[in-house]
Each structure stands twice: as C-alpha cells, then as structure tokens.
Amino acid sequence: MFGWAIIFLLVALVAAALGFGGLAGTVVSAAQVVFFAALVAFAISAVSGLVSRS
C-alpha cells in the first residue's frame, strides 16, 4: 500500500511540474487516502498481533 502512495505522489509531482494543477491536487488527495489507509491497516495488524501473542 505504501508503494501505491509513493506512485500517486510521484504522478502528482510530475503533473504539477507540467502545469496540471487540478490533476496534481486530485492525485495528492488519492495518495493521502492510500497512505492513511495503509497506516490504519498497519495499526490494526500490530494490535491484533500483540493481542494474539498473550
């Protein structure tokens, strides 16, 4: 998932460099959503791993 966030971020940087401001903003928003989804999935995985060990 973090790979997808990095890809979206790179696409946004290229779009911004080429002058596509609206597209860059949209892709940055998508990158943020994927990044935070990955963080939530990691947190849930970490908590479930700690709970299952006890």
N, C-alpha and C. Protein backbone atom coordinates (compact mmCIF):
# COMPACT_ATOMS: atom_id res chain seq x y z
N MET A 1 0.81 -1.20 0.00
CA MET A 1 0.00 0.00 0.00
C MET A 1 0.85 1.26 0.00
N PHE A 2 1.97 1.21 0.73
CA PHE A 2 2.83 2.38 0.72
C PHE A 2 3.41 2.61 -0.67
N GLY A 3 3.61 1.54 -1.40
CA GLY A 3 4.09 1.66 -2.78
C GLY A 3 3.12 2.45 -3.64
N TRP A 4 1.82 2.17 -3.46
CA TRP A 4 0.80 2.92 -4.22
C TRP A 4 0.81 4.39 -3.84
N ALA A 5 0.97 4.68 -2.56
CA ALA A 5 1.01 6.08 -2.12
C ALA A 5 2.19 6.81 -2.74
N ILE A 6 3.33 6.13 -2.81
CA ILE A 6 4.51 6.76 -3.41
C ILE A 6 4.30 6.97 -4.91
N ILE A 7 3.67 6.00 -5.58
CA ILE A 7 3.39 6.15 -7.01
C ILE A 7 2.47 7.33 -7.25
N PHE A 8 1.39 7.45 -6.45
CA PHE A 8 0.48 8.58 -6.60
C PHE A 8 1.21 9.90 -6.35
N LEU A 9 2.10 9.92 -5.37
CA LEU A 9 2.84 11.14 -5.07
C LEU A 9 3.75 11.52 -6.24
N LEU A 10 4.42 10.55 -6.84
CA LEU A 10 5.28 10.83 -7.99
C LEU A 10 4.47 11.33 -9.18
N VAL A 11 3.30 10.73 -9.41
CA VAL A 11 2.44 11.19 -10.50
C VAL A 11 2.01 12.64 -10.24
N ALA A 12 1.69 12.95 -9.00
CA ALA A 12 1.29 14.31 -8.65
C ALA A 12 2.42 15.30 -8.88
N LEU A 13 3.64 14.91 -8.54
CA LEU A 13 4.78 15.80 -8.74
C LEU A 13 5.02 16.05 -10.23
N VAL A 14 4.90 15.00 -11.04
CA VAL A 14 5.08 15.16 -12.48
C VAL A 14 3.97 16.04 -13.05
N ALA A 15 2.72 15.81 -12.61
CA ALA A 15 1.61 16.61 -13.10
C ALA A 15 1.78 18.08 -12.70
N ALA A 16 2.24 18.31 -11.49
CA ALA A 16 2.46 19.70 -11.04
C ALA A 16 3.57 20.36 -11.85
N ALA A 17 4.63 19.60 -12.15
CA ALA A 17 5.74 20.16 -12.93
C ALA A 17 5.30 20.51 -14.35
N LEU A 18 4.35 19.75 -14.88
CA LEU A 18 3.87 20.01 -16.23
C LEU A 18 2.74 21.04 -16.27
N GLY A 19 2.30 21.49 -15.11
CA GLY A 19 1.30 22.55 -15.07
C GLY A 19 -0.14 22.08 -14.95
N PHE A 20 -0.35 20.82 -14.65
CA PHE A 20 -1.71 20.31 -14.48
C PHE A 20 -2.08 20.41 -13.00
N GLY A 21 -2.42 21.61 -12.55
CA GLY A 21 -2.68 21.86 -11.14
C GLY A 21 -3.85 21.07 -10.57
N GLY A 22 -4.95 21.04 -11.30
CA GLY A 22 -6.13 20.32 -10.80
C GLY A 22 -5.88 18.84 -10.69
N LEU A 23 -5.23 18.27 -11.67
CA LEU A 23 -4.91 16.84 -11.65
C LEU A 23 -3.94 16.53 -10.53
N ALA A 24 -2.97 17.39 -10.32
CA ALA A 24 -1.98 17.17 -9.27
C ALA A 24 -2.65 17.16 -7.90
N GLY A 25 -3.58 18.08 -7.68
CA GLY A 25 -4.30 18.13 -6.41
C GLY A 25 -5.12 16.88 -6.17
N THR A 26 -5.76 16.38 -7.22
CA THR A 26 -6.56 15.17 -7.11
C THR A 26 -5.69 13.96 -6.78
N VAL A 27 -4.54 13.86 -7.44
CA VAL A 27 -3.66 12.72 -7.20
C VAL A 27 -3.04 12.80 -5.82
N VAL A 28 -2.72 14.00 -5.34
CA VAL A 28 -2.20 14.15 -3.98
C VAL A 28 -3.25 13.69 -2.97
N SER A 29 -4.50 14.03 -3.20
CA SER A 29 -5.56 13.57 -2.30
C SER A 29 -5.66 12.05 -2.30
N ALA A 30 -5.55 11.43 -3.46
CA ALA A 30 -5.58 9.97 -3.54
C ALA A 30 -4.38 9.37 -2.79
N ALA A 31 -3.22 9.98 -2.92
CA ALA A 31 -2.03 9.49 -2.22
C ALA A 31 -2.22 9.58 -0.71
N GLN A 32 -2.83 10.65 -0.24
CA GLN A 32 -3.07 10.79 1.19
C GLN A 32 -4.04 9.73 1.70
N VAL A 33 -5.09 9.46 0.94
CA VAL A 33 -6.07 8.45 1.34
C VAL A 33 -5.40 7.08 1.42
N VAL A 34 -4.62 6.73 0.42
CA VAL A 34 -3.95 5.42 0.42
C VAL A 34 -2.94 5.33 1.55
N PHE A 35 -2.21 6.41 1.81
CA PHE A 35 -1.22 6.42 2.89
C PHE A 35 -1.88 6.20 4.24
N PHE A 36 -2.96 6.93 4.52
CA PHE A 36 -3.63 6.78 5.80
C PHE A 36 -4.33 5.44 5.93
N ALA A 37 -4.83 4.89 4.83
CA ALA A 37 -5.41 3.55 4.87
C ALA A 37 -4.33 2.52 5.22
N ALA A 38 -3.14 2.70 4.68
CA ALA A 38 -2.04 1.79 5.00
C ALA A 38 -1.65 1.92 6.46
N LEU A 39 -1.64 3.13 7.00
CA LEU A 39 -1.33 3.32 8.42
C LEU A 39 -2.36 2.64 9.31
N VAL A 40 -3.63 2.76 8.95
CA VAL A 40 -4.70 2.13 9.74
C VAL A 40 -4.56 0.60 9.66
N ALA A 41 -4.29 0.08 8.47
CA ALA A 41 -4.11 -1.37 8.33
C ALA A 41 -2.92 -1.85 9.14
N PHE A 42 -1.84 -1.08 9.16
CA PHE A 42 -0.67 -1.44 9.96
C PHE A 42 -1.01 -1.44 11.45
N ALA A 43 -1.73 -0.42 11.90
CA ALA A 43 -2.09 -0.33 13.32
C ALA A 43 -2.97 -1.50 13.73
N ILE A 44 -3.94 -1.84 12.91
CA ILE A 44 -4.83 -2.97 13.22
C ILE A 44 -4.03 -4.27 13.25
N SER A 45 -3.12 -4.43 12.31
CA SER A 45 -2.29 -5.63 12.27
C SER A 45 -1.39 -5.72 13.50
N ALA A 46 -0.81 -4.60 13.90
CA ALA A 46 0.07 -4.59 15.08
C ALA A 46 -0.70 -4.93 16.34
N VAL A 47 -1.88 -4.34 16.50
CA VAL A 47 -2.69 -4.61 17.70
C VAL A 47 -3.15 -6.06 17.72
N SER A 48 -3.60 -6.57 16.59
CA SER A 48 -4.06 -7.97 16.57
C SER A 48 -2.89 -8.93 16.81
N GLY A 49 -1.70 -8.58 16.37
CA GLY A 49 -0.53 -9.40 16.62
C GLY A 49 -0.15 -9.40 18.11
N LEU A 50 -0.28 -8.26 18.75
CA LEU A 50 0.01 -8.20 20.19
C LEU A 50 -1.03 -8.94 21.01
N VAL A 51 -2.28 -8.84 20.61
CA VAL A 51 -3.35 -9.50 21.35
C VAL A 51 -3.26 -11.03 21.20
N SER A 52 -2.92 -11.49 20.02
CA SER A 52 -2.88 -12.95 19.79
C SER A 52 -1.68 -13.60 20.48
N ARG A 53 -0.67 -12.85 20.82
CA ARG A 53 0.51 -13.41 21.50
C ARG A 53 0.27 -13.65 22.98
N SER A 54 -0.70 -12.95 23.58
CA SER A 54 -0.89 -13.10 25.02
C SER A 54 -1.83 -14.20 25.38
